[in-house]
Amino acid sequence: MANHKSAEKRNRQSISRRLHNRYYAKTTRNALKALRNTTEKEAALKLLPKVSAMLDKLAKINVIHKNKAANLKSSIQLHVNKLA
């Protein structure tokens, strides 16, 4: 339990930030899953820049680590390149 005003505010901020981060991380995970499940190259090429931008934004605001974002971008690029 928070004993100071600043601790109470910090608690409120952390709760709202956690919800914000969970929403955007989940949205990005769903987009990644949609891209990985795509079997058509044209559809995958349309999704690729959007998903890459989402990952870059999450890394920029420290929701995910920048290396994780780079690894995910690399893996989805490989997936798109393998599609016929």
N, C-alpha and C. Protein backbone atom coordinates (compact mmCIF):
# COMPACT_ATOMS: atom_id res chain seq x y z
N MET A 1 0.84 -1.19 0.00
CA MET A 1 0.00 0.00 0.00
C MET A 1 0.88 1.24 0.00
N ALA A 2 0.54 2.19 -0.83
CA ALA A 2 1.34 3.41 -0.96
C ALA A 2 1.11 4.32 0.25
N ASN A 3 2.20 4.89 0.76
CA ASN A 3 2.12 5.76 1.94
C ASN A 3 2.29 7.24 1.60
N HIS A 4 2.74 7.55 0.40
CA HIS A 4 2.98 8.93 0.01
C HIS A 4 2.18 9.25 -1.25
N LYS A 5 1.92 10.54 -1.43
CA LYS A 5 1.18 10.98 -2.62
C LYS A 5 1.91 10.57 -3.90
N SER A 6 3.22 10.75 -3.89
CA SER A 6 3.99 10.44 -5.09
C SER A 6 3.95 8.94 -5.40
N ALA A 7 3.93 8.11 -4.36
CA ALA A 7 3.85 6.67 -4.56
C ALA A 7 2.48 6.27 -5.10
N GLU A 8 1.43 6.94 -4.64
CA GLU A 8 0.09 6.67 -5.16
C GLU A 8 -0.01 7.05 -6.63
N LYS A 9 0.59 8.20 -6.98
CA LYS A 9 0.58 8.63 -8.37
C LYS A 9 1.38 7.66 -9.24
N ARG A 10 2.52 7.24 -8.74
CA ARG A 10 3.35 6.29 -9.49
C ARG A 10 2.58 5.00 -9.73
N ASN A 11 1.82 4.57 -8.73
CA ASN A 11 1.01 3.36 -8.88
C ASN A 11 -0.05 3.54 -9.96
N ARG A 12 -0.73 4.68 -9.96
CA ARG A 12 -1.74 4.96 -10.99
C ARG A 12 -1.10 4.98 -12.37
N GLN A 13 0.05 5.63 -12.48
CA GLN A 13 0.73 5.72 -13.77
C GLN A 13 1.16 4.34 -14.27
N SER A 14 1.68 3.53 -13.39
CA SER A 14 2.16 2.22 -13.81
C SER A 14 1.00 1.34 -14.28
N ILE A 15 -0.16 1.47 -13.63
CA ILE A 15 -1.33 0.68 -14.04
C ILE A 15 -1.77 1.10 -15.44
N SER A 16 -1.87 2.41 -15.68
CA SER A 16 -2.33 2.87 -16.99
C SER A 16 -1.31 2.55 -18.08
N ARG A 17 -0.03 2.67 -17.78
CA ARG A 17 1.01 2.33 -18.77
C ARG A 17 1.01 0.84 -19.09
N ARG A 18 0.77 0.03 -18.05
CA ARG A 18 0.74 -1.42 -18.26
C ARG A 18 -0.39 -1.78 -19.21
N LEU A 19 -1.56 -1.19 -19.02
CA LEU A 19 -2.69 -1.46 -19.91
C LEU A 19 -2.39 -1.00 -21.33
N HIS A 20 -1.79 0.17 -21.46
CA HIS A 20 -1.41 0.71 -22.76
C HIS A 20 -0.42 -0.23 -23.46
N ASN A 21 0.61 -0.65 -22.73
CA ASN A 21 1.63 -1.53 -23.30
C ASN A 21 1.05 -2.88 -23.69
N ARG A 22 0.17 -3.43 -22.85
CA ARG A 22 -0.44 -4.72 -23.15
C ARG A 22 -1.28 -4.64 -24.42
N TYR A 23 -2.03 -3.56 -24.58
CA TYR A 23 -2.87 -3.41 -25.77
C TYR A 23 -2.02 -3.40 -27.04
N TYR A 24 -0.99 -2.55 -27.07
CA TYR A 24 -0.18 -2.44 -28.28
C TYR A 24 0.66 -3.68 -28.53
N ALA A 25 1.14 -4.33 -27.48
CA ALA A 25 1.91 -5.56 -27.67
C ALA A 25 1.02 -6.66 -28.21
N LYS A 26 -0.20 -6.77 -27.70
CA LYS A 26 -1.12 -7.80 -28.16
C LYS A 26 -1.54 -7.55 -29.61
N THR A 27 -1.79 -6.28 -29.94
CA THR A 27 -2.16 -5.93 -31.31
C THR A 27 -1.05 -6.31 -32.28
N THR A 28 0.18 -6.04 -31.88
CA THR A 28 1.32 -6.37 -32.73
C THR A 28 1.49 -7.89 -32.86
N ARG A 29 1.31 -8.62 -31.77
CA ARG A 29 1.40 -10.07 -31.84
C ARG A 29 0.35 -10.65 -32.78
N ASN A 30 -0.86 -10.09 -32.74
CA ASN A 30 -1.91 -10.56 -33.65
C ASN A 30 -1.56 -10.26 -35.10
N ALA A 31 -0.97 -9.10 -35.35
CA ALA A 31 -0.55 -8.75 -36.71
C ALA A 31 0.56 -9.68 -37.18
N LEU A 32 1.50 -10.01 -36.29
CA LEU A 32 2.57 -10.95 -36.64
C LEU A 32 1.99 -12.31 -36.99
N LYS A 33 1.03 -12.76 -36.20
CA LYS A 33 0.41 -14.05 -36.45
C LYS A 33 -0.32 -14.05 -37.79
N ALA A 34 -1.00 -12.96 -38.09
CA ALA A 34 -1.71 -12.86 -39.36
C ALA A 34 -0.74 -12.91 -40.52
N LEU A 35 0.40 -12.23 -40.38
CA LEU A 35 1.40 -12.23 -41.44
C LEU A 35 2.01 -13.62 -41.63
N ARG A 36 2.30 -14.29 -40.51
CA ARG A 36 2.90 -15.63 -40.60
C ARG A 36 1.94 -16.66 -41.19
N ASN A 37 0.64 -16.45 -40.98
CA ASN A 37 -0.35 -17.39 -41.50
C ASN A 37 -0.72 -17.10 -42.95
N THR A 38 -0.23 -16.00 -43.50
CA THR A 38 -0.52 -15.65 -44.87
C THR A 38 0.28 -16.53 -45.82
N THR A 39 -0.41 -17.03 -46.84
CA THR A 39 0.28 -17.89 -47.81
C THR A 39 0.42 -17.21 -49.16
N GLU A 40 -0.23 -16.06 -49.35
CA GLU A 40 -0.13 -15.33 -50.60
C GLU A 40 0.92 -14.23 -50.49
N LYS A 41 1.79 -14.18 -51.46
CA LYS A 41 2.90 -13.23 -51.40
C LYS A 41 2.42 -11.78 -51.45
N GLU A 42 1.43 -11.48 -52.28
CA GLU A 42 0.95 -10.10 -52.41
C GLU A 42 0.37 -9.59 -51.09
N ALA A 43 -0.42 -10.41 -50.44
CA ALA A 43 -1.01 -10.02 -49.15
C ALA A 43 0.08 -9.84 -48.11
N ALA A 44 1.07 -10.71 -48.11
CA ALA A 44 2.17 -10.62 -47.15
C ALA A 44 2.99 -9.35 -47.39
N LEU A 45 3.19 -9.01 -48.65
CA LEU A 45 3.96 -7.79 -48.96
C LEU A 45 3.22 -6.53 -48.52
N LYS A 46 1.87 -6.59 -48.53
CA LYS A 46 1.09 -5.45 -48.05
C LYS A 46 1.19 -5.32 -46.53
N LEU A 47 1.19 -6.46 -45.84
CA LEU A 47 1.23 -6.44 -44.37
C LEU A 47 2.61 -6.13 -43.82
N LEU A 48 3.64 -6.50 -44.55
CA LEU A 48 5.01 -6.39 -44.03
C LEU A 48 5.39 -5.00 -43.54
N PRO A 49 5.18 -3.92 -44.31
CA PRO A 49 5.59 -2.61 -43.81
C PRO A 49 4.81 -2.17 -42.56
N LYS A 50 3.53 -2.56 -42.50
CA LYS A 50 2.72 -2.18 -41.34
C LYS A 50 3.22 -2.87 -40.08
N VAL A 51 3.51 -4.16 -40.20
CA VAL A 51 3.98 -4.92 -39.04
C VAL A 51 5.37 -4.44 -38.62
N SER A 52 6.22 -4.16 -39.59
CA SER A 52 7.56 -3.65 -39.27
C SER A 52 7.49 -2.32 -38.54
N ALA A 53 6.58 -1.46 -38.98
CA ALA A 53 6.42 -0.17 -38.31
C ALA A 53 5.91 -0.35 -36.89
N MET A 54 4.98 -1.30 -36.70
CA MET A 54 4.47 -1.57 -35.36
C MET A 54 5.60 -2.02 -34.43
N LEU A 55 6.45 -2.91 -34.93
CA LEU A 55 7.56 -3.41 -34.12
C LEU A 55 8.55 -2.29 -33.79
N ASP A 56 8.83 -1.42 -34.78
CA ASP A 56 9.74 -0.30 -34.54
C ASP A 56 9.20 0.63 -33.47
N LYS A 57 7.89 0.89 -33.51
CA LYS A 57 7.28 1.79 -32.53
C LYS A 57 7.32 1.17 -31.14
N LEU A 58 7.07 -0.13 -31.04
CA LEU A 58 7.13 -0.79 -29.73
C LEU A 58 8.55 -0.75 -29.17
N ALA A 59 9.54 -0.93 -30.03
CA ALA A 59 10.92 -0.88 -29.57
C ALA A 59 11.30 0.54 -29.16
N LYS A 60 10.78 1.51 -29.87
CA LYS A 60 11.11 2.91 -29.57
C LYS A 60 10.60 3.34 -28.20
N ILE A 61 9.41 2.84 -27.82
CA ILE A 61 8.86 3.23 -26.52
C ILE A 61 9.13 2.17 -25.45
N ASN A 62 10.07 1.26 -25.73
CA ASN A 62 10.55 0.26 -24.78
C ASN A 62 9.49 -0.71 -24.29
N VAL A 63 8.52 -1.02 -25.14
CA VAL A 63 7.57 -2.08 -24.79
C VAL A 63 8.26 -3.43 -25.04
N ILE A 64 8.99 -3.52 -26.14
CA ILE A 64 9.84 -4.69 -26.38
C ILE A 64 11.26 -4.18 -26.61
N HIS A 65 12.22 -5.08 -26.48
CA HIS A 65 13.61 -4.71 -26.66
C HIS A 65 13.92 -4.51 -28.14
N LYS A 66 14.83 -3.61 -28.43
CA LYS A 66 15.13 -3.30 -29.83
C LYS A 66 15.69 -4.50 -30.57
N ASN A 67 16.45 -5.36 -29.89
CA ASN A 67 16.98 -6.56 -30.55
C ASN A 67 15.87 -7.56 -30.86
N LYS A 68 14.88 -7.66 -29.96
CA LYS A 68 13.75 -8.55 -30.22
C LYS A 68 12.99 -8.06 -31.45
N ALA A 69 12.80 -6.74 -31.54
CA ALA A 69 12.11 -6.18 -32.70
C ALA A 69 12.88 -6.50 -33.97
N ALA A 70 14.20 -6.36 -33.92
CA ALA A 70 15.03 -6.66 -35.09
C ALA A 70 14.93 -8.13 -35.47
N ASN A 71 14.94 -9.01 -34.47
CA ASN A 71 14.85 -10.45 -34.75
C ASN A 71 13.50 -10.80 -35.36
N LEU A 72 12.43 -10.21 -34.84
CA LEU A 72 11.09 -10.48 -35.37
C LEU A 72 10.97 -9.97 -36.80
N LYS A 73 11.49 -8.77 -37.05
CA LYS A 73 11.44 -8.21 -38.40
C LYS A 73 12.21 -9.09 -39.38
N SER A 74 13.34 -9.60 -38.94
CA SER A 74 14.14 -10.47 -39.79
C SER A 74 13.39 -11.76 -40.10
N SER A 75 12.75 -12.33 -39.10
CA SER A 75 12.06 -13.61 -39.32
C SER A 75 10.85 -13.44 -40.24
N ILE A 76 10.12 -12.32 -40.09
CA ILE A 76 8.96 -12.15 -40.98
C ILE A 76 9.41 -11.82 -42.40
N GLN A 77 10.54 -11.14 -42.53
CA GLN A 77 11.08 -10.87 -43.87
C GLN A 77 11.48 -12.17 -44.54
N LEU A 78 12.10 -13.07 -43.79
CA LEU A 78 12.45 -14.38 -44.35
C LEU A 78 11.21 -15.14 -44.78
N HIS A 79 10.18 -15.07 -43.96
CA HIS A 79 8.92 -15.76 -44.30
C HIS A 79 8.35 -15.23 -45.61
N VAL A 80 8.33 -13.90 -45.76
CA VAL A 80 7.78 -13.29 -46.97
C VAL A 80 8.62 -13.66 -48.18
N ASN A 81 9.93 -13.68 -48.01
CA ASN A 81 10.82 -14.02 -49.13
C ASN A 81 10.64 -15.47 -49.58
N LYS A 82 10.28 -16.36 -48.66
CA LYS A 82 10.10 -17.77 -49.02
C LYS A 82 8.80 -18.04 -49.74
N LEU A 83 7.82 -17.13 -49.62
CA LEU A 83 6.54 -17.34 -50.28
C LEU A 83 6.71 -17.29 -51.80
N ALA A 84 5.95 -18.15 -52.49
CA ALA A 84 6.07 -18.20 -53.96
C ALA A 84 5.08 -17.30 -54.62
